[in-house]
Amino acid sequence: MTLVLIRILLRYLAAVLVTRGLIAPDLGEMISRDPDVAVAFQVAFGALIAAIAEGWYYLAHRCGWAK
């Protein structure tokens, strides 16, 4: 289910980038249809969420919020 949502998000992101002229239409199509790009985006998004959680944990211990 997550991969499906990521592909939808990539399709909209590619559309925005193409309409603003930041990338070529062929590259936008590749971004929205390539499963390897979707998997790489999913891994990067998971790493970002893990980094935010670990940063919040560190901040909680540093500020005395965690018991």
PDB file of N, CA and C in Angstrom:
ATOM      1  N   MET A   1       0.820  -1.194   0.000  1.00  0.00           N
ATOM      2  CA  MET A   1       0.000   0.000   0.000  1.00  0.00           C
ATOM      3  C   MET A   1       0.860   1.252   0.000  1.00  0.00           C
ATOM      4  N   THR A   2       1.944   1.225   0.761  1.00  0.00           N
ATOM      5  CA  THR A   2       2.817   2.386   0.827  1.00  0.00           C
ATOM      6  C   THR A   2       3.446   2.676  -0.525  1.00  0.00           C
ATOM      7  N   LEU A   3       3.847   1.626  -1.239  1.00  0.00           N
ATOM      8  CA  LEU A   3       4.465   1.818  -2.534  1.00  0.00           C
ATOM      9  C   LEU A   3       3.487   2.450  -3.520  1.00  0.00           C
ATOM     10  N   VAL A   4       2.227   2.094  -3.427  1.00  0.00           N
ATOM     11  CA  VAL A   4       1.212   2.694  -4.296  1.00  0.00           C
ATOM     12  C   VAL A   4       1.090   4.188  -4.014  1.00  0.00           C
ATOM     13  N   LEU A   5       1.055   4.558  -2.747  1.00  0.00           N
ATOM     14  CA  LEU A   5       0.961   5.978  -2.399  1.00  0.00           C
ATOM     15  C   LEU A   5       2.200   6.740  -2.844  1.00  0.00           C
ATOM     16  N   ILE A   6       3.359   6.118  -2.735  1.00  0.00           N
ATOM     17  CA  ILE A   6       4.587   6.776  -3.165  1.00  0.00           C
ATOM     18  C   ILE A   6       4.592   6.976  -4.674  1.00  0.00           C
ATOM     19  N   ARG A   7       4.104   6.011  -5.428  1.00  0.00           N
ATOM     20  CA  ARG A   7       4.025   6.187  -6.884  1.00  0.00           C
ATOM     21  C   ARG A   7       3.082   7.321  -7.249  1.00  0.00           C
ATOM     22  N   ILE A   8       1.973   7.440  -6.551  1.00  0.00           N
ATOM     23  CA  ILE A   8       1.051   8.547  -6.804  1.00  0.00           C
ATOM     24  C   ILE A   8       1.724   9.872  -6.478  1.00  0.00           C
ATOM     25  N   LEU A   9       2.415   9.935  -5.352  1.00  0.00           N
ATOM     26  CA  LEU A   9       3.132  11.149  -4.967  1.00  0.00           C
ATOM     27  C   LEU A   9       4.209  11.497  -5.989  1.00  0.00           C
ATOM     28  N   LEU A  10       4.951  10.499  -6.470  1.00  0.00           N
ATOM     29  CA  LEU A  10       5.973  10.749  -7.478  1.00  0.00           C
ATOM     30  C   LEU A  10       5.363  11.254  -8.780  1.00  0.00           C
ATOM     31  N   ARG A  11       4.209  10.738  -9.145  1.00  0.00           N
ATOM     32  CA  ARG A  11       3.550  11.194 -10.370  1.00  0.00           C
ATOM     33  C   ARG A  11       3.174  12.666 -10.265  1.00  0.00           C
ATOM     34  N   TYR A  12       2.619  13.078  -9.122  1.00  0.00           N
ATOM     35  CA  TYR A  12       2.270  14.491  -8.940  1.00  0.00           C
ATOM     36  C   TYR A  12       3.517  15.367  -8.855  1.00  0.00           C
ATOM     37  N   LEU A  13       4.552  14.886  -8.189  1.00  0.00           N
ATOM     38  CA  LEU A  13       5.796  15.646  -8.101  1.00  0.00           C
ATOM     39  C   LEU A  13       6.414  15.839  -9.482  1.00  0.00           C
ATOM     40  N   ALA A  14       6.427  14.787 -10.281  1.00  0.00           N
ATOM     41  CA  ALA A  14       6.964  14.895 -11.635  1.00  0.00           C
ATOM     42  C   ALA A  14       6.134  15.859 -12.473  1.00  0.00           C
ATOM     43  N   ALA A  15       4.819  15.833 -12.307  1.00  0.00           N
ATOM     44  CA  ALA A  15       3.959  16.751 -13.060  1.00  0.00           C
ATOM     45  C   ALA A  15       4.248  18.202 -12.700  1.00  0.00           C
ATOM     46  N   VAL A  16       4.449  18.474 -11.430  1.00  0.00           N
ATOM     47  CA  VAL A  16       4.768  19.843 -11.002  1.00  0.00           C
ATOM     48  C   VAL A  16       6.107  20.279 -11.583  1.00  0.00           C
ATOM     49  N   LEU A  17       7.096  19.406 -11.529  1.00  0.00           N
ATOM     50  CA  LEU A  17       8.416  19.757 -12.048  1.00  0.00           C
ATOM     51  C   LEU A  17       8.401  19.975 -13.556  1.00  0.00           C
ATOM     52  N   VAL A  18       7.626  19.184 -14.279  1.00  0.00           N
ATOM     53  CA  VAL A  18       7.531  19.351 -15.729  1.00  0.00           C
ATOM     54  C   VAL A  18       6.799  20.636 -16.075  1.00  0.00           C
ATOM     55  N   THR A  19       5.696  20.928 -15.400  1.00  0.00           N
ATOM     56  CA  THR A  19       4.936  22.136 -15.731  1.00  0.00           C
ATOM     57  C   THR A  19       5.700  23.406 -15.391  1.00  0.00           C
ATOM     58  N   ARG A  20       6.555  23.359 -14.410  1.00  0.00           N
ATOM     59  CA  ARG A  20       7.385  24.530 -14.082  1.00  0.00           C
ATOM     60  C   ARG A  20       8.628  24.609 -14.966  1.00  0.00           C
ATOM     61  N   GLY A  21       8.851  23.601 -15.783  1.00  0.00           N
ATOM     62  CA  GLY A  21       9.983  23.614 -16.692  1.00  0.00           C
ATOM     63  C   GLY A  21      11.302  23.238 -16.048  1.00  0.00           C
ATOM     64  N   LEU A  22      11.255  22.616 -14.899  1.00  0.00           N
ATOM     65  CA  LEU A  22      12.485  22.254 -14.205  1.00  0.00           C
ATOM     66  C   LEU A  22      13.100  20.961 -14.731  1.00  0.00           C
ATOM     67  N   ILE A  23      12.279  20.075 -15.285  1.00  0.00           N
ATOM     68  CA  ILE A  23      12.787  18.843 -15.881  1.00  0.00           C
ATOM     69  C   ILE A  23      12.074  18.615 -17.210  1.00  0.00           C
ATOM     70  N   ALA A  24      12.686  17.796 -18.053  1.00  0.00           N
ATOM     71  CA  ALA A  24      12.108  17.465 -19.353  1.00  0.00           C
ATOM     72  C   ALA A  24      10.930  16.508 -19.171  1.00  0.00           C
ATOM     73  N   PRO A  25       9.971  16.545 -20.087  1.00  0.00           N
ATOM     74  CA  PRO A  25       8.819  15.632 -19.976  1.00  0.00           C
ATOM     75  C   PRO A  25       9.208  14.156 -19.969  1.00  0.00           C
ATOM     76  N   ASP A  26      10.249  13.785 -20.724  1.00  0.00           N
ATOM     77  CA  ASP A  26      10.683  12.382 -20.728  1.00  0.00           C
ATOM     78  C   ASP A  26      11.202  11.950 -19.361  1.00  0.00           C
ATOM     79  N   LEU A  27      11.933  12.831 -18.706  1.00  0.00           N
ATOM     80  CA  LEU A  27      12.442  12.520 -17.371  1.00  0.00           C
ATOM     81  C   LEU A  27      11.297  12.438 -16.360  1.00  0.00           C
ATOM     82  N   GLY A  28      10.301  13.297 -16.506  1.00  0.00           N
ATOM     83  CA  GLY A  28       9.133  13.245 -15.625  1.00  0.00           C
ATOM     84  C   GLY A  28       8.377  11.941 -15.749  1.00  0.00           C
ATOM     85  N   GLU A  29       8.262  11.449 -16.985  1.00  0.00           N
ATOM     86  CA  GLU A  29       7.590  10.164 -17.192  1.00  0.00           C
ATOM     87  C   GLU A  29       8.393   9.028 -16.565  1.00  0.00           C
ATOM     88  N   MET A  30       9.728   9.094 -16.686  1.00  0.00           N
ATOM     89  CA  MET A  30      10.564   8.056 -16.093  1.00  0.00           C
ATOM     90  C   MET A  30      10.433   8.048 -14.569  1.00  0.00           C
ATOM     91  N   ILE A  31      10.402   9.242 -13.968  1.00  0.00           N
ATOM     92  CA  ILE A  31      10.282   9.334 -12.514  1.00  0.00           C
ATOM     93  C   ILE A  31       8.963   8.741 -12.038  1.00  0.00           C
ATOM     94  N   SER A  32       7.889   9.015 -12.761  1.00  0.00           N
ATOM     95  CA  SER A  32       6.578   8.566 -12.297  1.00  0.00           C
ATOM     96  C   SER A  32       6.307   7.095 -12.586  1.00  0.00           C
ATOM     97  N   ARG A  33       7.031   6.490 -13.513  1.00  0.00           N
ATOM     98  CA  ARG A  33       6.740   5.106 -13.889  1.00  0.00           C
ATOM     99  C   ARG A  33       7.785   4.086 -13.453  1.00  0.00           C
ATOM    100  N   ASP A  34       8.975   4.523 -13.104  1.00  0.00           N
ATOM    101  CA  ASP A  34      10.056   3.593 -12.787  1.00  0.00           C
ATOM    102  C   ASP A  34       9.906   3.052 -11.365  1.00  0.00           C
ATOM    103  N   PRO A  35       9.754   1.738 -11.205  1.00  0.00           N
ATOM    104  CA  PRO A  35       9.603   1.181  -9.857  1.00  0.00           C
ATOM    105  C   PRO A  35      10.868   1.327  -9.008  1.00  0.00           C
ATOM    106  N   ASP A  36      12.036   1.371  -9.645  1.00  0.00           N
ATOM    107  CA  ASP A  36      13.274   1.553  -8.875  1.00  0.00           C
ATOM    108  C   ASP A  36      13.317   2.924  -8.221  1.00  0.00           C
ATOM    109  N   VAL A  37      12.829   3.936  -8.918  1.00  0.00           N
ATOM    110  CA  VAL A  37      12.768   5.280  -8.342  1.00  0.00           C
ATOM    111  C   VAL A  37      11.796   5.286  -7.167  1.00  0.00           C
ATOM    112  N   ALA A  38      10.675   4.593  -7.310  1.00  0.00           N
ATOM    113  CA  ALA A  38       9.692   4.533  -6.227  1.00  0.00           C
ATOM    114  C   ALA A  38      10.268   3.837  -4.995  1.00  0.00           C
ATOM    115  N   VAL A  39      11.008   2.767  -5.205  1.00  0.00           N
ATOM    116  CA  VAL A  39      11.615   2.054  -4.077  1.00  0.00           C
ATOM    117  C   VAL A  39      12.687   2.918  -3.418  1.00  0.00           C
ATOM    118  N   ALA A  40      13.489   3.610  -4.224  1.00  0.00           N
ATOM    119  CA  ALA A  40      14.514   4.496  -3.661  1.00  0.00           C
ATOM    120  C   ALA A  40      13.876   5.619  -2.855  1.00  0.00           C
ATOM    121  N   PHE A  41      12.766   6.158  -3.354  1.00  0.00           N
ATOM    122  CA  PHE A  41      12.049   7.205  -2.632  1.00  0.00           C
ATOM    123  C   PHE A  41      11.487   6.656  -1.326  1.00  0.00           C
ATOM    124  N   GLN A  42      10.984   5.433  -1.344  1.00  0.00           N
ATOM    125  CA  GLN A  42      10.437   4.816  -0.138  1.00  0.00           C
ATOM    126  C   GLN A  42      11.534   4.605   0.906  1.00  0.00           C
ATOM    127  N   VAL A  43      12.704   4.161   0.482  1.00  0.00           N
ATOM    128  CA  VAL A  43      13.820   3.959   1.408  1.00  0.00           C
ATOM    129  C   VAL A  43      14.271   5.296   1.990  1.00  0.00           C
ATOM    130  N   ALA A  44      14.380   6.318   1.138  1.00  0.00           N
ATOM    131  CA  ALA A  44      14.804   7.641   1.612  1.00  0.00           C
ATOM    132  C   ALA A  44      13.788   8.225   2.588  1.00  0.00           C
ATOM    133  N   PHE A  45      12.508   8.054   2.293  1.00  0.00           N
ATOM    134  CA  PHE A  45      11.459   8.560   3.175  1.00  0.00           C
ATOM    135  C   PHE A  45      11.480   7.829   4.516  1.00  0.00           C
ATOM    136  N   GLY A  46      11.712   6.527   4.489  1.00  0.00           N
ATOM    137  CA  GLY A  46      11.825   5.760   5.729  1.00  0.00           C
ATOM    138  C   GLY A  46      13.022   6.189   6.560  1.00  0.00           C
ATOM    139  N   ALA A  47      14.145   6.453   5.894  1.00  0.00           N
ATOM    140  CA  ALA A  47      15.335   6.923   6.611  1.00  0.00           C
ATOM    141  C   ALA A  47      15.096   8.302   7.220  1.00  0.00           C
ATOM    142  N   LEU A  48      14.385   9.155   6.506  1.00  0.00           N
ATOM    143  CA  LEU A  48      14.071  10.485   7.028  1.00  0.00           C
ATOM    144  C   LEU A  48      13.187  10.387   8.270  1.00  0.00           C
ATOM    145  N   ILE A  49      12.191   9.533   8.233  1.00  0.00           N
ATOM    146  CA  ILE A  49      11.309   9.348   9.389  1.00  0.00           C
ATOM    147  C   ILE A  49      12.097   8.795  10.578  1.00  0.00           C
ATOM    148  N   ALA A  50      12.990   7.843  10.327  1.00  0.00           N
ATOM    149  CA  ALA A  50      13.814   7.289  11.410  1.00  0.00           C
ATOM    150  C   ALA A  50      14.726   8.353  12.003  1.00  0.00           C
ATOM    151  N   ALA A  51      15.306   9.203  11.161  1.00  0.00           N
ATOM    152  CA  ALA A  51      16.187  10.265  11.653  1.00  0.00           C
ATOM    153  C   ALA A  51      15.414  11.275  12.495  1.00  0.00           C
ATOM    154  N   ILE A  52      14.205  11.605  12.079  1.00  0.00           N
ATOM    155  CA  ILE A  52      13.375  12.531  12.857  1.00  0.00           C
ATOM    156  C   ILE A  52      13.020  11.918  14.209  1.00  0.00           C
ATOM    157  N   ALA A  53      12.670  10.638  14.217  1.00  0.00           N
ATOM    158  CA  ALA A  53      12.328   9.970  15.482  1.00  0.00           C
ATOM    159  C   ALA A  53      13.526   9.918  16.422  1.00  0.00           C
ATOM    160  N   GLU A  54      14.697   9.603  15.898  1.00  0.00           N
ATOM    161  CA  GLU A  54      15.896   9.547  16.738  1.00  0.00           C
ATOM    162  C   GLU A  54      16.281  10.936  17.236  1.00  0.00           C
ATOM    163  N   GLY A  55      16.122  11.943  16.395  1.00  0.00           N
ATOM    164  CA  GLY A  55      16.402  13.314  16.822  1.00  0.00           C
ATOM    165  C   GLY A  55      15.460  13.766  17.923  1.00  0.00           C
ATOM    166  N   TRP A  56      14.204  13.410  17.799  1.00  0.00           N
ATOM    167  CA  TRP A  56      13.223  13.753  18.831  1.00  0.00           C
ATOM    168  C   TRP A  56      13.545  13.034  20.142  1.00  0.00           C
ATOM    169  N   TYR A  57      13.972  11.778  20.058  1.00  0.00           N
ATOM    170  CA  TYR A  57      14.355  11.008  21.244  1.00  0.00           C
ATOM    171  C   TYR A  57      15.557  11.659  21.934  1.00  0.00           C
ATOM    172  N   TYR A  58      16.544  12.066  21.140  1.00  0.00           N
ATOM    173  CA  TYR A  58      17.723  12.738  21.693  1.00  0.00           C
ATOM    174  C   TYR A  58      17.327  14.050  22.368  1.00  0.00           C
ATOM    175  N   LEU A  59      16.473  14.819  21.713  1.00  0.00           N
ATOM    176  CA  LEU A  59      16.022  16.090  22.273  1.00  0.00           C
ATOM    177  C   LEU A  59      15.236  15.877  23.566  1.00  0.00           C
ATOM    178  N   ALA A  60      14.413  14.839  23.610  1.00  0.00           N
ATOM    179  CA  ALA A  60      13.625  14.554  24.810  1.00  0.00           C
ATOM    180  C   ALA A  60      14.531  14.215  25.988  1.00  0.00           C
ATOM    181  N   HIS A  61      15.560  13.435  25.749  1.00  0.00           N
ATOM    182  CA  HIS A  61      16.487  13.107  26.837  1.00  0.00           C
ATOM    183  C   HIS A  61      17.312  14.315  27.251  1.00  0.00           C
ATOM    184  N   ARG A  62      17.702  15.111  26.309  1.00  0.00           N
ATOM    185  CA  ARG A  62      18.521  16.284  26.619  1.00  0.00           C
ATOM    186  C   ARG A  62      17.743  17.324  27.423  1.00  0.00           C
ATOM    187  N   CYS A  63      16.452  17.477  27.107  1.00  0.00           N
ATOM    188  CA  CYS A  63      15.625  18.479  27.795  1.00  0.00           C
ATOM    189  C   CYS A  63      14.928  17.925  29.030  1.00  0.00           C
ATOM    190  N   GLY A  64      15.093  16.644  29.309  1.00  0.00           N
ATOM    191  CA  GLY A  64      14.488  16.057  30.496  1.00  0.00           C
ATOM    192  C   GLY A  64      13.020  15.699  30.335  1.00  0.00           C
ATOM    193  N   TRP A  65      12.554  15.581  29.099  1.00  0.00           N
ATOM    194  CA  TRP A  65      11.152  15.220  28.869  1.00  0.00           C
ATOM    195  C   TRP A  65      10.921  13.729  29.046  1.00  0.00           C
ATOM    196  N   ALA A  66      11.953  12.925  28.846  1.00  0.00           N
ATOM    197  CA  ALA A  66      11.830  11.471  28.967  1.00  0.00           C
ATOM    198  C   ALA A  66      12.160  11.066  30.395  1.00  0.00           C
ATOM    199  N   LYS A  67      11.431  10.150  30.916  1.00  0.00           N
ATOM    200  CA  LYS A  67      11.645   9.699  32.300  1.00  0.00           C
ATOM    201  C   LYS A  67      12.492   8.462  32.313  1.00  0.00           C
TER     202      LYS A  67
END
